[in-house]
């Protein structure tokens, strides 16, 4: 199952178990609508508040991501659920887009489990 655009900016590594992405989202920029098909985790190298929209452009909430935050997310039945302590229980559609509404560029290292 291939990852869609928007999951990461640049693939850093891939093997039979994981895909590692570098993801950068400048201030005011947004991702294309994309779908997460694998559960994943990320480390926020530089945090920022991310506004999340569903595939139709409806606002589904603001997700504040702190610098050095570590997140674990489960993808199941078209929904992403935050499993980590930061944001625990938050759910968003697996098909969505995100916009950096902060004052600094956002950067994360994301790991998808195959």
PDB file of N, CA and C in Angstrom:
ATOM      1  N   UNK A   1       0.846  -1.173   0.000  1.00  0.00           N
ATOM      2  CA  UNK A   1       0.000   0.000   0.000  1.00  0.00           C
ATOM      3  C   UNK A   1       0.892   1.237   0.000  1.00  0.00           C
ATOM      4  N   UNK A   2       0.823   2.053  -0.999  1.00  0.00           N
ATOM      5  CA  UNK A   2       1.680   3.230  -1.108  1.00  0.00           C
ATOM      6  C   UNK A   2       1.134   4.377  -0.267  1.00  0.00           C
ATOM      7  N   UNK A   3       2.053   5.192   0.249  1.00  0.00           N
ATOM      8  CA  UNK A   3       1.652   6.393   0.973  1.00  0.00           C
ATOM      9  C   UNK A   3       1.273   7.468  -0.028  1.00  0.00           C
ATOM     10  N   UNK A   4       0.292   8.271   0.324  1.00  0.00           N
ATOM     11  CA  UNK A   4      -0.156   9.349  -0.546  1.00  0.00           C
ATOM     12  C   UNK A   4       0.644  10.615  -0.273  1.00  0.00           C
ATOM     13  N   UNK A   5       0.602  11.573  -1.208  1.00  0.00           N
ATOM     14  CA  UNK A   5       1.248  12.859  -0.970  1.00  0.00           C
ATOM     15  C   UNK A   5       0.709  13.493   0.309  1.00  0.00           C
ATOM     16  N   UNK A   6       1.567  14.209   1.008  1.00  0.00           N
ATOM     17  CA  UNK A   6       1.141  14.896   2.218  1.00  0.00           C
ATOM     18  C   UNK A   6       1.518  14.187   3.491  1.00  0.00           C
ATOM     19  N   UNK A   7       1.812  12.892   3.427  1.00  0.00           N
ATOM     20  CA  UNK A   7       2.226  12.158   4.619  1.00  0.00           C
ATOM     21  C   UNK A   7       3.587  12.661   5.091  1.00  0.00           C
ATOM     22  N   UNK A   8       4.466  12.977   4.166  1.00  0.00           N
ATOM     23  CA  UNK A   8       5.783  13.516   4.494  1.00  0.00           C
ATOM     24  C   UNK A   8       6.314  14.354   3.355  1.00  0.00           C
ATOM     25  N   UNK A   9       7.303  15.179   3.650  1.00  0.00           N
ATOM     26  CA  UNK A   9       7.922  16.014   2.616  1.00  0.00           C
ATOM     27  C   UNK A   9       8.987  15.244   1.846  1.00  0.00           C
ATOM     28  N   UNK A  10       9.715  14.383   2.583  1.00  0.00           N
ATOM     29  CA  UNK A  10      10.817  13.655   1.958  1.00  0.00           C
ATOM     30  C   UNK A  10      11.002  12.327   2.678  1.00  0.00           C
ATOM     31  N   UNK A  11      11.036  11.241   1.900  1.00  0.00           N
ATOM     32  CA  UNK A  11      11.257   9.916   2.482  1.00  0.00           C
ATOM     33  C   UNK A  11      12.735   9.783   2.829  1.00  0.00           C
ATOM     34  N   UNK A  12      13.010   9.441   4.087  1.00  0.00           N
ATOM     35  CA  UNK A  12      14.384   9.283   4.553  1.00  0.00           C
ATOM     36  C   UNK A  12      14.849   7.838   4.528  1.00  0.00           C
ATOM     37  N   UNK A  13      13.908   6.901   4.742  1.00  0.00           N
ATOM     38  CA  UNK A  13      14.280   5.497   4.874  1.00  0.00           C
ATOM     39  C   UNK A  13      13.036   4.640   4.701  1.00  0.00           C
ATOM     40  N   UNK A  14      13.232   3.450   4.123  1.00  0.00           N
ATOM     41  CA  UNK A  14      12.143   2.477   4.034  1.00  0.00           C
ATOM     42  C   UNK A  14      12.723   1.077   4.034  1.00  0.00           C
ATOM     43  N   UNK A  15      12.079   0.192   4.793  1.00  0.00           N
ATOM     44  CA  UNK A  15      12.393  -1.229   4.716  1.00  0.00           C
ATOM     45  C   UNK A  15      11.075  -1.999   4.781  1.00  0.00           C
ATOM     46  N   UNK A  16      11.123  -3.278   5.099  1.00  0.00           N
ATOM     47  CA  UNK A  16       9.894  -4.075   5.095  1.00  0.00           C
ATOM     48  C   UNK A  16       9.006  -3.831   6.313  1.00  0.00           C
ATOM     49  N   UNK A  17       9.483  -3.042   7.291  1.00  0.00           N
ATOM     50  CA  UNK A  17       8.712  -2.802   8.508  1.00  0.00           C
ATOM     51  C   UNK A  17       8.246  -1.362   8.693  1.00  0.00           C
ATOM     52  N   UNK A  18       9.040  -0.388   8.213  1.00  0.00           N
ATOM     53  CA  UNK A  18       8.723   1.022   8.457  1.00  0.00           C
ATOM     54  C   UNK A  18       9.044   1.905   7.249  1.00  0.00           C
ATOM     55  N   UNK A  19       8.466   3.109   7.262  1.00  0.00           N
ATOM     56  CA  UNK A  19       8.863   4.197   6.366  1.00  0.00           C
ATOM     57  C   UNK A  19       9.114   5.408   7.263  1.00  0.00           C
ATOM     58  N   UNK A  20      10.259   6.060   7.089  1.00  0.00           N
ATOM     59  CA  UNK A  20      10.607   7.245   7.877  1.00  0.00           C
ATOM     60  C   UNK A  20      10.556   8.464   6.969  1.00  0.00           C
ATOM     61  N   UNK A  21       9.819   9.483   7.407  1.00  0.00           N
ATOM     62  CA  UNK A  21       9.629  10.708   6.636  1.00  0.00           C
ATOM     63  C   UNK A  21      10.146  11.922   7.402  1.00  0.00           C
ATOM     64  N   UNK A  22      10.693  12.868   6.667  1.00  0.00           N
ATOM     65  CA  UNK A  22      10.922  14.217   7.171  1.00  0.00           C
ATOM     66  C   UNK A  22       9.732  15.027   6.664  1.00  0.00           C
ATOM     67  N   UNK A  23       9.119  15.805   7.539  1.00  0.00           N
ATOM     68  CA  UNK A  23       7.949  16.591   7.147  1.00  0.00           C
ATOM     69  C   UNK A  23       8.127  18.023   7.614  1.00  0.00           C
ATOM     70  N   UNK A  24       8.046  18.963   6.675  1.00  0.00           N
ATOM     71  CA  UNK A  24       8.175  20.388   6.974  1.00  0.00           C
ATOM     72  C   UNK A  24       6.938  21.107   6.446  1.00  0.00           C
ATOM     73  N   UNK A  25       6.370  21.981   7.274  1.00  0.00           N
ATOM     74  CA  UNK A  25       5.208  22.770   6.875  1.00  0.00           C
ATOM     75  C   UNK A  25       5.464  24.221   7.289  1.00  0.00           C
ATOM     76  N   UNK A  26       5.813  25.067   6.312  1.00  0.00           N
ATOM     77  CA  UNK A  26       6.100  26.471   6.626  1.00  0.00           C
ATOM     78  C   UNK A  26       4.879  27.198   7.200  1.00  0.00           C
ATOM     79  N   UNK A  27       5.133  28.304   7.872  1.00  0.00           N
ATOM     80  CA  UNK A  27       4.065  29.141   8.419  1.00  0.00           C
ATOM     81  C   UNK A  27       3.065  29.484   7.313  1.00  0.00           C
ATOM     82  N   UNK A  28       1.789  29.255   7.573  1.00  0.00           N
ATOM     83  CA  UNK A  28       0.730  29.587   6.623  1.00  0.00           C
ATOM     84  C   UNK A  28       0.492  28.560   5.533  1.00  0.00           C
ATOM     85  N   UNK A  29       1.377  27.577   5.403  1.00  0.00           N
ATOM     86  CA  UNK A  29       1.236  26.556   4.354  1.00  0.00           C
ATOM     87  C   UNK A  29       0.307  25.444   4.833  1.00  0.00           C
ATOM     88  N   UNK A  30      -0.270  24.721   3.866  1.00  0.00           N
ATOM     89  CA  UNK A  30      -1.086  23.563   4.209  1.00  0.00           C
ATOM     90  C   UNK A  30      -0.729  22.393   3.311  1.00  0.00           C
ATOM     91  N   UNK A  31      -0.966  21.212   3.820  1.00  0.00           N
ATOM     92  CA  UNK A  31      -0.717  19.995   3.055  1.00  0.00           C
ATOM     93  C   UNK A  31      -1.824  19.824   2.029  1.00  0.00           C
ATOM     94  N   UNK A  32      -1.583  19.006   0.998  1.00  0.00           N
ATOM     95  CA  UNK A  32      -2.717  18.591   0.172  1.00  0.00           C
ATOM     96  C   UNK A  32      -3.587  17.635   0.994  1.00  0.00           C
ATOM     97  N   UNK A  33      -4.813  17.435   0.559  1.00  0.00           N
ATOM     98  CA  UNK A  33      -5.642  16.405   1.191  1.00  0.00           C
ATOM     99  C   UNK A  33      -4.939  15.073   0.960  1.00  0.00           C
ATOM    100  N   UNK A  34      -4.785  14.304   2.016  1.00  0.00           N
ATOM    101  CA  UNK A  34      -4.093  13.020   1.929  1.00  0.00           C
ATOM    102  C   UNK A  34      -4.743  12.044   2.899  1.00  0.00           C
ATOM    103  N   UNK A  35      -4.446  10.770   2.708  1.00  0.00           N
ATOM    104  CA  UNK A  35      -5.017   9.726   3.552  1.00  0.00           C
ATOM    105  C   UNK A  35      -3.906   8.931   4.214  1.00  0.00           C
ATOM    106  N   UNK A  36      -4.001   8.809   5.525  1.00  0.00           N
ATOM    107  CA  UNK A  36      -3.088   7.927   6.248  1.00  0.00           C
ATOM    108  C   UNK A  36      -3.688   6.527   6.214  1.00  0.00           C
ATOM    109  N   UNK A  37      -2.905   5.570   5.742  1.00  0.00           N
ATOM    110  CA  UNK A  37      -3.380   4.192   5.646  1.00  0.00           C
ATOM    111  C   UNK A  37      -2.679   3.276   6.647  1.00  0.00           C
ATOM    112  N   UNK A  38      -1.650   3.800   7.309  1.00  0.00           N
ATOM    113  CA  UNK A  38      -0.883   3.025   8.290  1.00  0.00           C
ATOM    114  C   UNK A  38      -0.864   3.765   9.623  1.00  0.00           C
ATOM    115  N   UNK A  39      -0.826   3.022  10.704  1.00  0.00           N
ATOM    116  CA  UNK A  39      -0.583   3.643  12.000  1.00  0.00           C
ATOM    117  C   UNK A  39       0.825   4.213  11.986  1.00  0.00           C
ATOM    118  N   UNK A  40       1.050   5.246  12.808  1.00  0.00           N
ATOM    119  CA  UNK A  40       2.336   5.943  12.749  1.00  0.00           C
ATOM    120  C   UNK A  40       2.623   6.669  14.051  1.00  0.00           C
ATOM    121  N   UNK A  41       3.841   7.170  14.148  1.00  0.00           N
ATOM    122  CA  UNK A  41       4.244   8.013  15.266  1.00  0.00           C
ATOM    123  C   UNK A  41       5.071   9.141  14.699  1.00  0.00           C
ATOM    124  N   UNK A  42       5.190  10.231  15.476  1.00  0.00           N
ATOM    125  CA  UNK A  42       6.091  11.293  15.045  1.00  0.00           C
ATOM    126  C   UNK A  42       6.715  11.998  16.223  1.00  0.00           C
ATOM    127  N   UNK A  43       7.871  12.596  15.943  1.00  0.00           N
ATOM    128  CA  UNK A  43       8.601  13.448  16.880  1.00  0.00           C
ATOM    129  C   UNK A  43       8.601  14.854  16.301  1.00  0.00           C
ATOM    130  N   UNK A  44       8.111  15.827  17.053  1.00  0.00           N
ATOM    131  CA  UNK A  44       8.055  17.214  16.588  1.00  0.00           C
ATOM    132  C   UNK A  44       9.394  17.904  16.853  1.00  0.00           C
ATOM    133  N   UNK A  45      10.183  18.068  15.802  1.00  0.00           N
ATOM    134  CA  UNK A  45      11.474  18.758  15.901  1.00  0.00           C
ATOM    135  C   UNK A  45      11.230  20.234  16.206  1.00  0.00           C
ATOM    136  N   UNK A  46      10.260  20.838  15.519  1.00  0.00           N
ATOM    137  CA  UNK A  46       9.836  22.223  15.765  1.00  0.00           C
ATOM    138  C   UNK A  46       8.316  22.242  15.752  1.00  0.00           C
ATOM    139  N   UNK A  47       7.710  22.457  16.896  1.00  0.00           N
ATOM    140  CA  UNK A  47       6.262  22.417  17.003  1.00  0.00           C
ATOM    141  C   UNK A  47       5.574  23.665  16.483  1.00  0.00           C
ATOM    142  N   UNK A  48       4.272  23.553  16.285  1.00  0.00           N
ATOM    143  CA  UNK A  48       3.406  24.657  15.860  1.00  0.00           C
ATOM    144  C   UNK A  48       1.960  24.189  16.000  1.00  0.00           C
ATOM    145  N   UNK A  49       1.019  25.112  16.108  1.00  0.00           N
ATOM    146  CA  UNK A  49      -0.387  24.708  16.091  1.00  0.00           C
ATOM    147  C   UNK A  49      -0.812  24.366  14.661  1.00  0.00           C
ATOM    148  N   UNK A  50      -1.441  23.214  14.501  1.00  0.00           N
ATOM    149  CA  UNK A  50      -1.903  22.761  13.187  1.00  0.00           C
ATOM    150  C   UNK A  50      -3.425  22.747  13.164  1.00  0.00           C
ATOM    151  N   UNK A  51      -3.997  23.444  12.192  1.00  0.00           N
ATOM    152  CA  UNK A  51      -5.446  23.429  11.992  1.00  0.00           C
ATOM    153  C   UNK A  51      -5.746  22.259  11.062  1.00  0.00           C
ATOM    154  N   UNK A  52      -6.643  21.384  11.460  1.00  0.00           N
ATOM    155  CA  UNK A  52      -6.954  20.182  10.691  1.00  0.00           C
ATOM    156  C   UNK A  52      -8.314  20.357  10.014  1.00  0.00           C
ATOM    157  N   UNK A  53      -8.371  19.969   8.729  1.00  0.00           N
ATOM    158  CA  UNK A  53      -9.594  20.049   7.933  1.00  0.00           C
ATOM    159  C   UNK A  53      -9.880  18.683   7.326  1.00  0.00           C
ATOM    160  N   UNK A  54     -11.166  18.328   7.225  1.00  0.00           N
ATOM    161  CA  UNK A  54     -11.506  17.075   6.556  1.00  0.00           C
ATOM    162  C   UNK A  54     -11.362  17.247   5.043  1.00  0.00           C
ATOM    163  N   UNK A  55     -11.642  16.201   4.302  1.00  0.00           N
ATOM    164  CA  UNK A  55     -11.440  16.221   2.846  1.00  0.00           C
ATOM    165  C   UNK A  55     -12.316  17.242   2.128  1.00  0.00           C
ATOM    166  N   UNK A  56     -13.363  17.731   2.789  1.00  0.00           N
ATOM    167  CA  UNK A  56     -14.266  18.713   2.185  1.00  0.00           C
ATOM    168  C   UNK A  56     -13.940  20.141   2.622  1.00  0.00           C
ATOM    169  N   UNK A  57     -12.889  20.294   3.430  1.00  0.00           N
ATOM    170  CA  UNK A  57     -12.492  21.619   3.897  1.00  0.00           C
ATOM    171  C   UNK A  57     -13.156  22.059   5.187  1.00  0.00           C
ATOM    172  N   UNK A  58     -13.914  21.161   5.825  1.00  0.00           N
ATOM    173  CA  UNK A  58     -14.545  21.493   7.106  1.00  0.00           C
ATOM    174  C   UNK A  58     -13.514  21.441   8.228  1.00  0.00           C
ATOM    175  N   UNK A  59     -13.513  22.444   9.078  1.00  0.00           N
ATOM    176  CA  UNK A  59     -12.589  22.525  10.210  1.00  0.00           C
ATOM    177  C   UNK A  59     -12.940  21.435  11.219  1.00  0.00           C
ATOM    178  N   UNK A  60     -11.970  20.574  11.545  1.00  0.00           N
ATOM    179  CA  UNK A  60     -12.217  19.530  12.543  1.00  0.00           C
ATOM    180  C   UNK A  60     -11.432  19.763  13.825  1.00  0.00           C
ATOM    181  N   UNK A  61     -10.716  20.889  13.897  1.00  0.00           N
ATOM    182  CA  UNK A  61     -10.075  21.234  15.154  1.00  0.00           C
ATOM    183  C   UNK A  61      -8.640  21.699  15.032  1.00  0.00           C
ATOM    184  N   UNK A  62      -8.211  22.370  16.082  1.00  0.00           N
ATOM    185  CA  UNK A  62      -6.836  22.845  16.203  1.00  0.00           C
ATOM    186  C   UNK A  62      -6.057  21.827  17.016  1.00  0.00           C
ATOM    187  N   UNK A  63      -4.910  21.420  16.512  1.00  0.00           N
ATOM    188  CA  UNK A  63      -4.073  20.441  17.193  1.00  0.00           C
ATOM    189  C   UNK A  63      -2.743  21.105  17.534  1.00  0.00           C
ATOM    190  N   UNK A  64      -2.565  21.552  18.782  1.00  0.00           N
ATOM    191  CA  UNK A  64      -1.305  22.184  19.161  1.00  0.00           C
ATOM    192  C   UNK A  64      -0.212  21.126  19.325  1.00  0.00           C
ATOM    193  N   UNK A  65       0.885  21.294  18.612  1.00  0.00           N
ATOM    194  CA  UNK A  65       1.982  20.325  18.661  1.00  0.00           C
ATOM    195  C   UNK A  65       3.198  21.003  19.289  1.00  0.00           C
ATOM    196  N   UNK A  66       3.588  20.598  20.504  1.00  0.00           N
ATOM    197  CA  UNK A  66       4.741  21.227  21.142  1.00  0.00           C
ATOM    198  C   UNK A  66       6.062  20.717  20.567  1.00  0.00           C
ATOM    199  N   UNK A  67       7.062  21.577  20.550  1.00  0.00           N
ATOM    200  CA  UNK A  67       8.408  21.151  20.171  1.00  0.00           C
ATOM    201  C   UNK A  67       8.831  20.015  21.097  1.00  0.00           C
ATOM    202  N   UNK A  68       9.460  19.001  20.534  1.00  0.00           N
ATOM    203  CA  UNK A  68       9.916  17.791  21.231  1.00  0.00           C
ATOM    204  C   UNK A  68       8.769  16.868  21.647  1.00  0.00           C
ATOM    205  N   UNK A  69       7.551  17.142  21.189  1.00  0.00           N
ATOM    206  CA  UNK A  69       6.433  16.259  21.485  1.00  0.00           C
ATOM    207  C   UNK A  69       6.547  14.963  20.696  1.00  0.00           C
ATOM    208  N   UNK A  70       6.147  13.869  21.324  1.00  0.00           N
ATOM    209  CA  UNK A  70       6.146  12.558  20.674  1.00  0.00           C
ATOM    210  C   UNK A  70       4.705  12.058  20.656  1.00  0.00           C
ATOM    211  N   UNK A  71       4.245  11.671  19.470  1.00  0.00           N
ATOM    212  CA  UNK A  71       2.857  11.273  19.276  1.00  0.00           C
ATOM    213  C   UNK A  71       2.789   9.876  18.676  1.00  0.00           C
ATOM    214  N   UNK A  72       1.835   9.079  19.161  1.00  0.00           N
ATOM    215  CA  UNK A  72       1.546   7.768  18.577  1.00  0.00           C
ATOM    216  C   UNK A  72       0.097   7.791  18.116  1.00  0.00           C
ATOM    217  N   UNK A  73      -0.131   7.367  16.862  1.00  0.00           N
ATOM    218  CA  UNK A  73      -1.468   7.439  16.281  1.00  0.00           C
ATOM    219  C   UNK A  73      -1.862   6.110  15.658  1.00  0.00           C
ATOM    220  N   UNK A  74      -3.097   5.701  15.941  1.00  0.00           N
ATOM    221  CA  UNK A  74      -3.640   4.463  15.383  1.00  0.00           C
ATOM    222  C   UNK A  74      -4.605   4.828  14.259  1.00  0.00           C
ATOM    223  N   UNK A  75      -4.428   4.187  13.109  1.00  0.00           N
ATOM    224  CA  UNK A  75      -5.323   4.391  11.970  1.00  0.00           C
ATOM    225  C   UNK A  75      -6.210   3.160  11.849  1.00  0.00           C
ATOM    226  N   UNK A  76      -7.531   3.390  11.906  1.00  0.00           N
ATOM    227  CA  UNK A  76      -8.470   2.273  11.819  1.00  0.00           C
ATOM    228  C   UNK A  76      -9.818   2.780  11.312  1.00  0.00           C
ATOM    229  N   UNK A  77     -10.371   2.092  10.329  1.00  0.00           N
ATOM    230  CA  UNK A  77     -11.714   2.388   9.809  1.00  0.00           C
ATOM    231  C   UNK A  77     -11.890   3.855   9.416  1.00  0.00           C
ATOM    232  N   UNK A  78     -10.876   4.420   8.756  1.00  0.00           N
ATOM    233  CA  UNK A  78     -10.990   5.784   8.255  1.00  0.00           C
ATOM    234  C   UNK A  78     -10.810   6.882   9.288  1.00  0.00           C
ATOM    235  N   UNK A  79     -10.350   6.497  10.478  1.00  0.00           N
ATOM    236  CA  UNK A  79     -10.161   7.463  11.563  1.00  0.00           C
ATOM    237  C   UNK A  79      -8.764   7.318  12.149  1.00  0.00           C
ATOM    238  N   UNK A  80      -8.180   8.455  12.523  1.00  0.00           N
ATOM    239  CA  UNK A  80      -6.913   8.474  13.256  1.00  0.00           C
ATOM    240  C   UNK A  80      -7.243   8.797  14.707  1.00  0.00           C
ATOM    241  N   UNK A  81      -6.722   7.986  15.626  1.00  0.00           N
ATOM    242  CA  UNK A  81      -6.893   8.252  17.055  1.00  0.00           C
ATOM    243  C   UNK A  81      -5.524   8.427  17.694  1.00  0.00           C
ATOM    244  N   UNK A  82      -5.376   9.511  18.458  1.00  0.00           N
ATOM    245  CA  UNK A  82      -4.124   9.763  19.170  1.00  0.00           C
ATOM    246  C   UNK A  82      -4.068   8.834  20.375  1.00  0.00           C
ATOM    247  N   UNK A  83      -2.996   8.049  20.469  1.00  0.00           N
ATOM    248  CA  UNK A  83      -2.829   7.079  21.544  1.00  0.00           C
ATOM    249  C   UNK A  83      -1.833   7.557  22.605  1.00  0.00           C
ATOM    250  N   UNK A  84      -0.989   8.522  22.249  1.00  0.00           N
ATOM    251  CA  UNK A  84       0.039   9.023  23.157  1.00  0.00           C
ATOM    252  C   UNK A  84      -0.583   9.904  24.235  1.00  0.00           C
ATOM    253  N   UNK A  85       0.190  10.194  25.278  1.00  0.00           N
ATOM    254  CA  UNK A  85      -0.308  11.032  26.367  1.00  0.00           C
ATOM    255  C   UNK A  85      -0.683  12.423  25.876  1.00  0.00           C
ATOM    256  N   UNK A  86       0.153  13.011  25.005  1.00  0.00           N
ATOM    257  CA  UNK A  86      -0.162  14.327  24.452  1.00  0.00           C
ATOM    258  C   UNK A  86      -1.290  14.142  23.435  1.00  0.00           C
ATOM    259  N   UNK A  87      -2.428  14.728  23.694  1.00  0.00           N
ATOM    260  CA  UNK A  87      -3.550  14.645  22.754  1.00  0.00           C
ATOM    261  C   UNK A  87      -4.354  13.366  22.834  1.00  0.00           C
ATOM    262  N   UNK A  88      -4.119  12.543  23.845  1.00  0.00           N
ATOM    263  CA  UNK A  88      -4.759  11.226  23.951  1.00  0.00           C
ATOM    264  C   UNK A  88      -6.271  11.304  23.732  1.00  0.00           C
ATOM    265  N   UNK A  89      -6.760  10.426  22.845  1.00  0.00           N
ATOM    266  CA  UNK A  89      -8.183  10.319  22.584  1.00  0.00           C
ATOM    267  C   UNK A  89      -8.704  11.199  21.459  1.00  0.00           C
ATOM    268  N   UNK A  90      -7.895  12.157  20.998  1.00  0.00           N
ATOM    269  CA  UNK A  90      -8.323  13.004  19.883  1.00  0.00           C
ATOM    270  C   UNK A  90      -8.495  12.127  18.649  1.00  0.00           C
ATOM    271  N   UNK A  91      -9.573  12.363  17.897  1.00  0.00           N
ATOM    272  CA  UNK A  91      -9.830  11.606  16.669  1.00  0.00           C
ATOM    273  C   UNK A  91     -10.057  12.581  15.523  1.00  0.00           C
ATOM    274  N   UNK A  92      -9.451  12.269  14.371  1.00  0.00           N
ATOM    275  CA  UNK A  92      -9.645  13.056  13.149  1.00  0.00           C
ATOM    276  C   UNK A  92      -9.794  12.081  11.985  1.00  0.00           C
ATOM    277  N   UNK A  93     -10.395  12.526  10.890  1.00  0.00           N
ATOM    278  CA  UNK A  93     -10.506  11.641   9.727  1.00  0.00           C
ATOM    279  C   UNK A  93      -9.125  11.280   9.179  1.00  0.00           C
ATOM    280  N   UNK A  94      -8.961  10.043   8.731  1.00  0.00           N
ATOM    281  CA  UNK A  94      -7.688   9.626   8.131  1.00  0.00           C
ATOM    282  C   UNK A  94      -7.423  10.390   6.841  1.00  0.00           C
ATOM    283  N   UNK A  95      -8.485  10.853   6.177  1.00  0.00           N
ATOM    284  CA  UNK A  95      -8.345  11.669   4.968  1.00  0.00           C
ATOM    285  C   UNK A  95      -8.576  13.123   5.372  1.00  0.00           C
ATOM    286  N   UNK A  96      -7.518  13.923   5.295  1.00  0.00           N
ATOM    287  CA  UNK A  96      -7.580  15.288   5.801  1.00  0.00           C
ATOM    288  C   UNK A  96      -6.458  16.133   5.209  1.00  0.00           C
ATOM    289  N   UNK A  97      -6.406  17.382   5.641  1.00  0.00           N
ATOM    290  CA  UNK A  97      -5.257  18.244   5.363  1.00  0.00           C
ATOM    291  C   UNK A  97      -4.976  19.037   6.629  1.00  0.00           C
ATOM    292  N   UNK A  98      -3.758  19.569   6.711  1.00  0.00           N
ATOM    293  CA  UNK A  98      -3.354  20.338   7.886  1.00  0.00           C
ATOM    294  C   UNK A  98      -2.723  21.644   7.439  1.00  0.00           C
ATOM    295  N   UNK A  99      -2.959  22.702   8.227  1.00  0.00           N
ATOM    296  CA  UNK A  99      -2.386  24.017   7.942  1.00  0.00           C
ATOM    297  C   UNK A  99      -1.611  24.496   9.160  1.00  0.00           C
ATOM    298  N   UNK A 100      -0.410  25.010   8.926  1.00  0.00           N
ATOM    299  CA  UNK A 100       0.396  25.582  10.001  1.00  0.00           C
ATOM    300  C   UNK A 100      -0.123  26.987  10.281  1.00  0.00           C
ATOM    301  N   UNK A 101      -0.784  27.169  11.417  1.00  0.00           N
ATOM    302  CA  UNK A 101      -1.327  28.470  11.792  1.00  0.00           C
ATOM    303  C   UNK A 101      -0.472  29.147  12.865  1.00  0.00           C
ATOM    304  N   UNK A 102       0.749  28.642  13.034  1.00  0.00           N
ATOM    305  CA  UNK A 102       1.658  29.212  14.018  1.00  0.00           C
ATOM    306  C   UNK A 102       2.521  30.323  13.449  1.00  0.00           C
ATOM    307  N   UNK A 103       3.540  30.686  14.209  1.00  0.00           N
ATOM    308  CA  UNK A 103       4.453  31.766  13.825  1.00  0.00           C
ATOM    309  C   UNK A 103       5.830  31.250  13.433  1.00  0.00           C
ATOM    310  N   UNK A 104       6.014  29.930  13.475  1.00  0.00           N
ATOM    311  CA  UNK A 104       7.280  29.316  13.078  1.00  0.00           C
ATOM    312  C   UNK A 104       7.005  28.119  12.176  1.00  0.00           C
ATOM    313  N   UNK A 105       7.975  27.807  11.313  1.00  0.00           N
ATOM    314  CA  UNK A 105       7.857  26.612  10.477  1.00  0.00           C
ATOM    315  C   UNK A 105       7.726  25.382  11.369  1.00  0.00           C
ATOM    316  N   UNK A 106       6.927  24.420  10.915  1.00  0.00           N
ATOM    317  CA  UNK A 106       6.712  23.169  11.640  1.00  0.00           C
ATOM    318  C   UNK A 106       7.578  22.089  11.008  1.00  0.00           C
ATOM    319  N   UNK A 107       8.170  21.230  11.841  1.00  0.00           N
ATOM    320  CA  UNK A 107       8.953  20.106  11.312  1.00  0.00           C
ATOM    321  C   UNK A 107       8.792  18.906  12.229  1.00  0.00           C
ATOM    322  N   UNK A 108       8.609  17.750  11.598  1.00  0.00           N
ATOM    323  CA  UNK A 108       8.515  16.498  12.349  1.00  0.00           C
ATOM    324  C   UNK A 108       9.243  15.392  11.610  1.00  0.00           C
ATOM    325  N   UNK A 109       9.615  14.368  12.349  1.00  0.00           N
ATOM    326  CA  UNK A 109      10.088  13.105  11.783  1.00  0.00           C
ATOM    327  C   UNK A 109       8.977  12.098  12.061  1.00  0.00           C
ATOM    328  N   UNK A 110       8.425  11.519  10.992  1.00  0.00           N
ATOM    329  CA  UNK A 110       7.268  10.639  11.081  1.00  0.00           C
ATOM    330  C   UNK A 110       7.683   9.224  10.687  1.00  0.00           C
ATOM    331  N   UNK A 111       7.220   8.242  11.451  1.00  0.00           N
ATOM    332  CA  UNK A 111       7.504   6.833  11.168  1.00  0.00           C
ATOM    333  C   UNK A 111       6.180   6.106  10.981  1.00  0.00           C
ATOM    334  N   UNK A 112       5.991   5.523   9.785  1.00  0.00           N
ATOM    335  CA  UNK A 112       4.811   4.697   9.504  1.00  0.00           C
ATOM    336  C   UNK A 112       5.188   3.234   9.697  1.00  0.00           C
ATOM    337  N   UNK A 113       4.296   2.477  10.348  1.00  0.00           N
ATOM    338  CA  UNK A 113       4.494   1.036  10.474  1.00  0.00           C
ATOM    339  C   UNK A 113       3.780   0.340   9.337  1.00  0.00           C
ATOM    340  N   UNK A 114       4.488  -0.588   8.691  1.00  0.00           N
ATOM    341  CA  UNK A 114       3.880  -1.352   7.592  1.00  0.00           C
ATOM    342  C   UNK A 114       3.111  -2.536   8.141  1.00  0.00           C
TER     343      UNK A 114
END
